[in-house]
């Protein structure tokens, strides 16, 4: 069986996770590391015994001839790096979200088709322990017919929460209820319906966003409705997804599996919770058998394993570029619905970013640049909203 040569482009936290998962996979070999800071690639190189270390991505690709390049970088650099790697005819494992908008995502997928490459977008929860556990419960009919999905994010500023943790949540919705047909949403900033002036540049390279509190309804193709709350909270919380069925409920308490954390999935053997009724029951997590979860994150390993098997079989990863683009399209649809106060059908015909378009229609240019650091950005946003004195 083929052993896949893997290079890592970006050696920070998510780069370490990608390197670890491929290092421990029996069908993968780490052949190159690239980062702008030598201390980062040196640390990973010493950890995994990789001597090929670079600060130039094209040179790394030419000299190491990888089959897969992992791109675990900030979202604002995804488009440029993906286009660079794909130009060399190399498959990519790219961090979520795929890109900051649909125009960029379209270009990446067109380049992948042109070069005959596969794109896997790193929504590790979609192929991870929690999803395996939940799917088993659904297949066993524990909650009867699935009727509705509900979830809330981490409590970041709403639009940022959508672009960050919302990507994982939406992809989970899609893996359970099928593709999204339409969205409707409302956005509130500073206690009022968000206006074109409330369209701002997100921190941490997440593009253009709107809304301190985003409330969205998705209609999925399997007849399932889904609600998604991306609301700014005073403190961060653990995101949650609840699946409501005709005979019971399932709760995803961890979008990604943590070995020593709280329960990852729960089951309620009743349609509604009642204080005198059945209690929530923890479901046994379904872990991979061929890796020690103490050494390697189970979800990242399962994501890498799915890519290896997909390439073996000449098919797309379950979290393919098409799926990753659909997630971006849903998020753009949510922003469009909130801006224009209407139900938005998918796929979107206008591929431009709806919030930048909305600002231009109201005589405004693109929002100005902001601090990249999220806490610093929140201070500046509160100052813009008149909550802090300069």
Protein backbone atom coordinates (compact mmCIF):
# COMPACT_ATOMS: atom_id res chain seq x y z
CA UNK A 1 0.00 0.00 0.00
CA UNK A 2 1.18 3.52 -0.82
CA UNK A 3 2.78 5.61 1.91
CA UNK A 4 1.77 9.26 1.49
CA UNK A 5 4.43 11.92 1.78
CA UNK A 6 3.16 14.84 3.87
CA UNK A 7 4.58 18.36 4.29
CA UNK A 8 3.37 20.88 6.87
CA UNK A 9 3.00 24.53 5.82
CA UNK A 10 2.63 26.46 9.09
CA UNK A 11 4.08 25.06 12.32
CA UNK A 12 2.06 26.69 15.11
CA UNK A 13 -0.58 24.92 17.24
CA UNK A 14 -2.72 23.50 14.44
CA UNK A 15 0.44 22.68 12.51
CA UNK A 16 1.65 20.60 15.43
CA UNK A 17 -1.71 18.80 15.51
CA UNK A 18 -1.50 18.02 11.79
CA UNK A 19 2.12 16.89 12.06
CA UNK A 20 1.28 14.63 15.02
CA UNK A 21 -1.65 12.95 13.28
CA UNK A 22 0.28 12.20 10.10
CA UNK A 23 3.40 11.17 12.04
CA UNK A 24 1.48 8.46 13.88
CA UNK A 25 -0.44 7.26 10.83
CA UNK A 26 1.12 4.04 9.48
CA UNK A 27 0.52 5.10 5.87
CA UNK A 28 1.98 8.61 6.09
CA UNK A 29 5.48 10.05 6.32
CA UNK A 30 6.40 13.60 7.31
CA UNK A 31 8.88 14.84 4.70
CA UNK A 32 9.02 18.62 5.16
CA UNK A 33 8.20 21.52 7.48
CA UNK A 34 7.78 25.17 6.52
CA UNK A 35 7.27 28.32 8.57
CA UNK A 36 8.48 31.91 8.48
CA UNK A 37 9.98 31.50 11.97
CA UNK A 38 12.85 28.99 12.32
CA UNK A 39 12.08 28.27 15.98
CA UNK A 40 8.71 26.87 14.98
CA UNK A 41 9.90 24.44 12.31
CA UNK A 42 12.94 23.53 14.41
CA UNK A 43 10.74 22.56 17.36
CA UNK A 44 8.53 20.31 15.19
CA UNK A 45 11.53 18.96 13.32
CA UNK A 46 13.21 17.86 16.54
CA UNK A 47 9.96 16.41 17.84
CA UNK A 48 9.32 14.22 14.79
CA UNK A 49 12.81 13.73 13.34
CA UNK A 50 12.25 15.82 10.20
CA UNK A 51 15.42 17.43 8.88
CA UNK A 52 13.88 19.08 5.79
CA UNK A 53 12.95 22.51 7.19
CA UNK A 54 12.11 25.57 5.11
CA UNK A 55 10.95 29.17 5.14
CA UNK A 56 9.96 28.96 1.45
CA UNK A 57 6.91 26.87 0.53
CA UNK A 58 7.73 26.44 -3.16
CA UNK A 59 11.25 25.26 -2.37
CA UNK A 60 9.87 22.76 0.15
CA UNK A 61 7.46 21.34 -2.43
CA UNK A 62 10.13 21.11 -5.15
CA UNK A 63 12.68 19.40 -2.90
CA UNK A 64 10.46 17.05 -0.88
CA UNK A 65 7.84 16.10 -3.53
CA UNK A 66 4.92 15.68 -1.09
CA UNK A 67 1.63 13.98 -1.94
CA UNK A 68 -0.20 16.13 0.64
CA UNK A 69 0.53 19.58 2.02
CA UNK A 70 -1.27 20.51 5.24
CA UNK A 71 -2.07 24.25 5.48
CA UNK A 72 -2.93 24.93 9.16
CA UNK A 73 -2.50 28.71 8.92
CA UNK A 74 -4.63 31.79 9.55
CA UNK A 75 -7.71 31.99 7.33
CA UNK A 76 -6.61 35.18 5.58
CA UNK A 77 -3.67 33.28 4.02
CA UNK A 78 -5.63 30.17 2.96
CA UNK A 79 -6.43 31.35 -0.56
CA UNK A 80 -2.91 32.35 -1.54
CA UNK A 81 -1.23 29.31 -0.02
CA UNK A 82 -3.81 26.89 -1.42
CA UNK A 83 -3.38 28.31 -4.91
CA UNK A 84 0.40 28.03 -4.59
CA UNK A 85 0.33 24.39 -3.48
CA UNK A 86 -2.32 23.33 -5.98
CA UNK A 87 -0.33 24.90 -8.82
CA UNK A 88 2.28 22.20 -8.09
CA UNK A 89 -0.36 19.46 -8.41
CA UNK A 90 -0.33 18.53 -4.72
CA UNK A 91 -3.38 17.58 -2.60
CA UNK A 92 -4.15 19.87 0.33
CA UNK A 93 -5.41 19.42 3.89
CA UNK A 94 -6.43 22.99 4.74
CA UNK A 95 -7.60 24.41 8.06
CA UNK A 96 -11.19 25.62 8.36
CA UNK A 97 -12.86 27.72 7.08
CA UNK A 98 -11.74 27.09 3.52
CA UNK A 99 -11.53 30.82 2.73
CA UNK A 100 -12.90 34.15 3.96
CA UNK A 101 -15.47 34.41 1.15
CA UNK A 102 -17.03 32.55 -1.76
CA UNK A 103 -15.01 34.18 -4.53
CA UNK A 104 -11.80 32.88 -2.97
CA UNK A 105 -13.31 29.44 -2.34
CA UNK A 106 -14.49 29.21 -5.95
CA UNK A 107 -10.98 29.98 -7.22
CA UNK A 108 -9.41 27.31 -4.98
CA UNK A 109 -11.81 24.61 -6.14
CA UNK A 110 -11.41 25.60 -9.79
CA UNK A 111 -7.62 25.32 -9.44
CA UNK A 112 -8.00 21.92 -7.75
CA UNK A 113 -10.15 20.67 -10.66
CA UNK A 114 -7.67 22.05 -13.18
CA UNK A 115 -4.77 20.26 -11.48
CA UNK A 116 -6.63 17.05 -10.60
CA UNK A 117 -6.06 17.54 -6.87
CA UNK A 118 -8.17 16.70 -3.83
CA UNK A 119 -9.00 19.29 -1.18
CA UNK A 120 -9.79 18.29 2.43
CA UNK A 121 -11.01 21.08 4.73
CA UNK A 122 -9.99 20.38 8.31
CA UNK A 123 -13.35 20.16 10.08
CA UNK A 124 -12.00 17.32 12.21
CA UNK A 125 -15.24 16.97 14.17
CA UNK A 126 -17.12 15.83 11.03
CA UNK A 127 -15.07 12.62 10.88
CA UNK A 128 -14.14 12.44 14.56
CA UNK A 129 -15.05 10.52 17.67
CA UNK A 130 -18.18 12.50 18.55
CA UNK A 131 -19.67 12.17 15.07
CA UNK A 132 -19.01 8.42 15.03
CA UNK A 133 -20.68 8.16 18.43
CA UNK A 134 -23.72 10.24 17.44
CA UNK A 135 -24.17 8.47 14.09
CA UNK A 136 -24.19 5.10 15.79
CA UNK A 137 -26.96 6.27 18.12
CA UNK A 138 -28.94 7.63 15.17
CA UNK A 139 -28.50 4.41 13.19
CA UNK A 140 -29.72 2.43 16.19
CA UNK A 141 -32.89 4.56 16.16
CA UNK A 142 -32.41 5.78 19.70
CA UNK A 143 -34.25 9.06 19.12
CA UNK A 144 -36.63 7.93 16.38
CA UNK A 145 -36.98 10.34 13.46
CA UNK A 146 -34.63 13.32 13.59
CA UNK A 147 -36.71 16.49 13.44
CA UNK A 148 -34.61 19.46 14.51
CA UNK A 149 -31.04 20.50 15.37
CA UNK A 150 -30.16 23.34 17.71
CA UNK A 151 -26.79 24.71 18.74
CA UNK A 152 -24.87 27.67 20.11
CA UNK A 153 -21.23 28.66 19.78
CA UNK A 154 -18.47 29.71 22.15
CA UNK A 155 -19.77 33.18 22.92
CA UNK A 156 -17.34 35.14 20.74
CA UNK A 157 -18.64 38.28 19.06
CA UNK A 158 -21.45 36.87 16.85
CA UNK A 159 -20.02 37.24 13.34
CA UNK A 160 -16.60 36.09 14.51
CA UNK A 161 -18.19 33.16 16.34
CA UNK A 162 -19.91 32.16 13.08
CA UNK A 163 -16.71 32.29 11.02
CA UNK A 164 -14.72 30.47 13.70
CA UNK A 165 -16.60 27.83 15.69
CA UNK A 166 -19.69 28.14 13.49
CA UNK A 167 -17.82 26.42 10.67
CA UNK A 168 -17.50 23.27 12.78
CA UNK A 169 -21.12 23.44 13.87
CA UNK A 170 -22.53 23.94 10.38
CA UNK A 171 -20.44 21.07 9.01
CA UNK A 172 -21.78 18.84 11.79
CA UNK A 173 -25.32 19.87 10.84
CA UNK A 174 -24.59 18.95 7.22
CA UNK A 175 -23.15 15.57 8.21
CA UNK A 176 -26.37 14.75 10.05
CA UNK A 177 -29.15 16.51 8.11
CA UNK A 178 -27.77 16.91 4.58
CA UNK A 179 -26.98 20.02 2.55
CA UNK A 180 -28.59 23.37 3.28
CA UNK A 181 -31.34 24.66 0.97
CA UNK A 182 -32.02 28.07 2.52
CA UNK A 183 -31.13 30.30 5.47
CA UNK A 184 -32.75 33.15 7.35
CA UNK A 185 -31.03 35.23 9.99
CA UNK A 186 -31.11 38.35 12.13
CA UNK A 187 -28.14 40.35 13.40
CA UNK A 188 -28.12 42.63 16.43
CA UNK A 189 -25.28 44.97 17.42
CA UNK A 190 -25.33 47.11 20.55
CA UNK A 191 -28.96 46.15 21.16
CA UNK A 192 -30.22 47.29 17.74
CA UNK A 193 -30.61 45.69 14.30
CA UNK A 194 -27.19 45.77 12.70
CA UNK A 195 -26.64 48.49 10.08
CA UNK A 196 -24.12 48.84 7.24
CA UNK A 197 -21.93 50.81 9.67
CA UNK A 198 -21.81 47.68 11.87
CA UNK A 199 -20.14 45.67 9.11
CA UNK A 200 -16.56 45.40 10.37
CA UNK A 201 -13.30 43.62 9.71
CA UNK A 202 -12.91 40.58 11.96
CA UNK A 203 -9.83 39.90 14.08
CA UNK A 204 -7.63 36.80 13.58
CA UNK A 205 -7.93 37.10 9.80
CA UNK A 206 -11.57 35.99 9.52
CA UNK A 207 -12.61 38.53 6.88
CA UNK A 208 -15.69 40.78 6.99
CA UNK A 209 -18.40 40.17 9.59
CA UNK A 210 -21.50 41.68 11.18
CA UNK A 211 -23.52 41.27 14.36
CA UNK A 212 -22.76 40.87 18.03
CA UNK A 213 -25.67 38.41 18.13
CA UNK A 214 -26.50 36.34 15.06
CA UNK A 215 -29.56 34.09 15.14
CA UNK A 216 -29.96 31.78 12.15
CA UNK A 217 -32.38 29.15 10.85
CA UNK A 218 -31.19 26.60 8.28
CA UNK A 219 -33.45 24.35 6.19
CA UNK A 220 -31.61 21.11 5.40
CA UNK A 221 -32.30 18.80 2.49
CA UNK A 222 -33.42 15.85 4.61
CA UNK A 223 -36.41 17.86 5.88
CA UNK A 224 -34.62 18.80 9.09
CA UNK A 225 -34.64 22.37 10.39
CA UNK A 226 -31.71 23.74 12.37
CA UNK A 227 -31.13 26.82 14.50
CA UNK A 228 -27.72 28.30 15.21
CA UNK A 229 -26.96 30.96 17.82
CA UNK A 230 -23.73 32.89 17.50
CA UNK A 231 -24.11 35.38 20.35
CA UNK A 232 -21.52 37.39 22.23
CA UNK A 233 -21.48 36.28 25.87
CA UNK A 234 -19.71 37.94 28.84
CA UNK A 235 -17.47 34.88 29.07
CA UNK A 236 -16.64 32.01 26.72
CA UNK A 237 -18.69 28.83 26.97
CA UNK A 238 -18.46 25.31 25.63
CA UNK A 239 -20.40 25.07 22.32
CA UNK A 240 -23.30 22.63 22.23
CA UNK A 241 -25.47 20.90 19.62
CA UNK A 242 -28.74 19.14 20.48
CA UNK A 243 -30.51 16.72 18.13
CA UNK A 244 -34.26 16.51 18.70
CA UNK A 245 -36.06 13.36 17.58
CA UNK A 246 -39.56 11.93 17.70
CA UNK A 247 -38.59 9.59 20.56
CA UNK A 248 -35.56 11.11 22.26
CA UNK A 249 -32.67 13.54 22.16
CA UNK A 250 -28.93 13.49 21.63
CA UNK A 251 -26.54 16.17 22.81
CA UNK A 252 -23.07 16.88 21.48
CA UNK A 253 -21.25 18.33 24.48
CA UNK A 254 -17.86 18.40 22.78
CA UNK A 255 -17.54 19.28 19.09
CA UNK A 256 -14.11 17.67 19.19
CA UNK A 257 -13.11 14.84 21.50
CA UNK A 258 -10.88 15.47 24.51
CA UNK A 259 -9.53 12.38 26.22
CA UNK A 260 -9.76 13.69 29.77
CA UNK A 261 -12.55 16.22 29.27
CA UNK A 262 -16.27 16.15 29.93
CA UNK A 263 -18.62 13.65 28.21
CA UNK A 264 -18.58 14.07 24.45
CA UNK A 265 -22.14 12.88 23.71
CA UNK A 266 -25.29 12.37 25.77
CA UNK A 267 -28.60 10.58 25.19
CA UNK A 268 -32.02 11.40 26.63
CA UNK A 269 -34.50 8.49 26.21
CA UNK A 270 -37.49 10.85 26.08
CA UNK A 271 -38.78 13.40 23.62
CA UNK A 272 -38.61 16.25 26.15
CA UNK A 273 -36.65 16.70 29.35
CA UNK A 274 -38.76 16.57 32.52
CA UNK A 275 -37.43 16.89 36.06
CA UNK A 276 -39.24 13.69 37.05
CA UNK A 277 -38.42 11.89 33.81
CA UNK A 278 -35.41 9.95 32.49
CA UNK A 279 -31.94 11.41 32.99
CA UNK A 280 -29.36 12.17 30.32
CA UNK A 281 -27.03 9.19 29.77
CA UNK A 282 -23.41 9.45 28.62
CA UNK A 283 -22.67 7.54 25.41
CA UNK A 284 -19.47 5.51 25.15
CA UNK A 285 -17.13 7.27 22.69
CA UNK A 286 -16.12 5.31 19.59
CA UNK A 287 -12.33 5.68 19.48
CA UNK A 288 -9.92 4.60 16.73
CA UNK A 289 -8.29 1.26 17.54
CA UNK A 290 -4.96 1.82 15.80
CA UNK A 291 -3.58 4.83 17.70
CA UNK A 292 -2.96 5.69 21.34
CA UNK A 293 -5.15 8.75 22.12
CA UNK A 294 -2.60 9.76 24.74
CA UNK A 295 -0.07 10.32 21.93
CA UNK A 296 -2.29 11.72 19.19
CA UNK A 297 -5.59 13.59 19.14
CA UNK A 298 -8.17 11.04 18.01
CA UNK A 299 -10.14 13.47 15.84
CA UNK A 300 -7.10 14.74 13.93
CA UNK A 301 -5.93 11.16 13.44
CA UNK A 302 -9.32 10.08 12.08
CA UNK A 303 -9.31 13.08 9.73
CA UNK A 304 -5.89 12.08 8.38
CA UNK A 305 -6.99 8.46 8.11
CA UNK A 306 -10.05 9.47 6.07
CA UNK A 307 -7.78 11.41 3.69
CA UNK A 308 -5.48 8.44 3.23
CA UNK A 309 -8.42 6.14 2.51
CA UNK A 310 -10.02 8.68 0.17
CA UNK A 311 -6.83 9.03 -1.86
CA UNK A 312 -6.48 5.24 -1.97
CA UNK A 313 -10.01 4.99 -3.38
CA UNK A 314 -9.77 7.94 -5.78
CA UNK A 315 -12.57 9.88 -4.06
CA UNK A 316 -13.01 13.05 -2.06
CA UNK A 317 -12.57 13.32 1.69
CA UNK A 318 -15.87 13.45 3.62
CA UNK A 319 -14.85 17.05 4.42
CA UNK A 320 -14.07 17.82 0.80
CA UNK A 321 -13.46 21.16 -0.80
CA UNK A 322 -17.06 21.12 -2.03
CA UNK A 323 -18.33 20.61 1.53
CA UNK A 324 -15.98 23.29 2.83
CA UNK A 325 -17.23 25.71 0.19
CA UNK A 326 -20.83 24.89 1.08
CA UNK A 327 -20.05 25.83 4.69
CA UNK A 328 -18.64 29.18 3.50
CA UNK A 329 -21.70 29.65 1.29
CA UNK A 330 -24.04 29.07 4.23
CA UNK A 331 -22.16 31.64 6.31
CA UNK A 332 -22.33 34.16 3.46
CA UNK A 333 -26.04 33.37 3.13
CA UNK A 334 -26.52 34.07 6.84
CA UNK A 335 -24.82 37.46 6.48
CA UNK A 336 -26.88 38.26 3.37
CA UNK A 337 -30.14 37.29 5.07
CA UNK A 338 -29.34 39.41 8.12
CA UNK A 339 -28.35 42.40 5.97
CA UNK A 340 -31.28 42.35 3.57
CA UNK A 341 -33.95 40.93 5.95
CA UNK A 342 -35.01 38.09 3.66
CA UNK A 343 -34.85 34.33 3.31
CA UNK A 344 -31.85 33.42 1.15
CA UNK A 345 -31.99 30.41 -1.16
CA UNK A 346 -28.84 28.42 -1.84
CA UNK A 347 -26.70 28.20 -3.88
CA UNK A 348 -25.95 31.91 -3.98
CA UNK A 349 -26.02 33.41 -7.45
CA UNK A 350 -24.01 36.49 -6.50
CA UNK A 351 -20.66 35.18 -5.24
CA UNK A 352 -19.42 38.55 -3.90
CA UNK A 353 -19.22 39.03 -0.14
CA UNK A 354 -22.74 40.22 0.77
CA UNK A 355 -21.64 42.51 3.59
CA UNK A 356 -19.09 44.41 1.52
CA UNK A 357 -21.71 44.70 -1.23
CA UNK A 358 -24.24 46.01 1.30
CA UNK A 359 -21.85 48.68 2.53
CA UNK A 360 -21.11 49.87 -1.03
CA UNK A 361 -24.84 50.06 -1.78
CA UNK A 362 -25.13 52.39 1.20
CA UNK A 363 -22.29 54.67 0.14
CA UNK A 364 -19.61 53.06 2.30
CA UNK A 365 -16.32 51.49 1.30
CA UNK A 366 -14.81 48.32 2.71
CA UNK A 367 -14.44 48.40 6.51
CA UNK A 368 -11.06 49.61 7.77
CA UNK A 369 -8.33 47.30 9.10
CA UNK A 370 -8.41 46.36 12.78
CA UNK A 371 -6.12 44.77 15.39
CA UNK A 372 -5.61 41.07 14.69
CA UNK A 373 -5.64 40.11 18.39
CA UNK A 374 -9.21 39.28 19.48
CA UNK A 375 -9.14 40.87 22.99
CA UNK A 376 -7.58 44.04 21.60
CA UNK A 377 -10.14 44.04 18.78
CA UNK A 378 -13.03 43.73 21.26
CA UNK A 379 -11.80 46.81 23.12
CA UNK A 380 -11.70 48.77 19.86
CA UNK A 381 -15.16 47.52 18.89
CA UNK A 382 -16.60 48.51 22.27
CA UNK A 383 -15.02 51.92 21.82
CA UNK A 384 -16.62 52.21 18.35
CA UNK A 385 -19.99 51.40 19.91
CA UNK A 386 -19.58 54.11 22.55
CA UNK A 387 -19.15 51.77 25.50
CA UNK A 388 -15.62 52.91 26.32
CA UNK A 389 -14.23 56.42 26.54
CA UNK A 390 -11.18 56.90 24.31
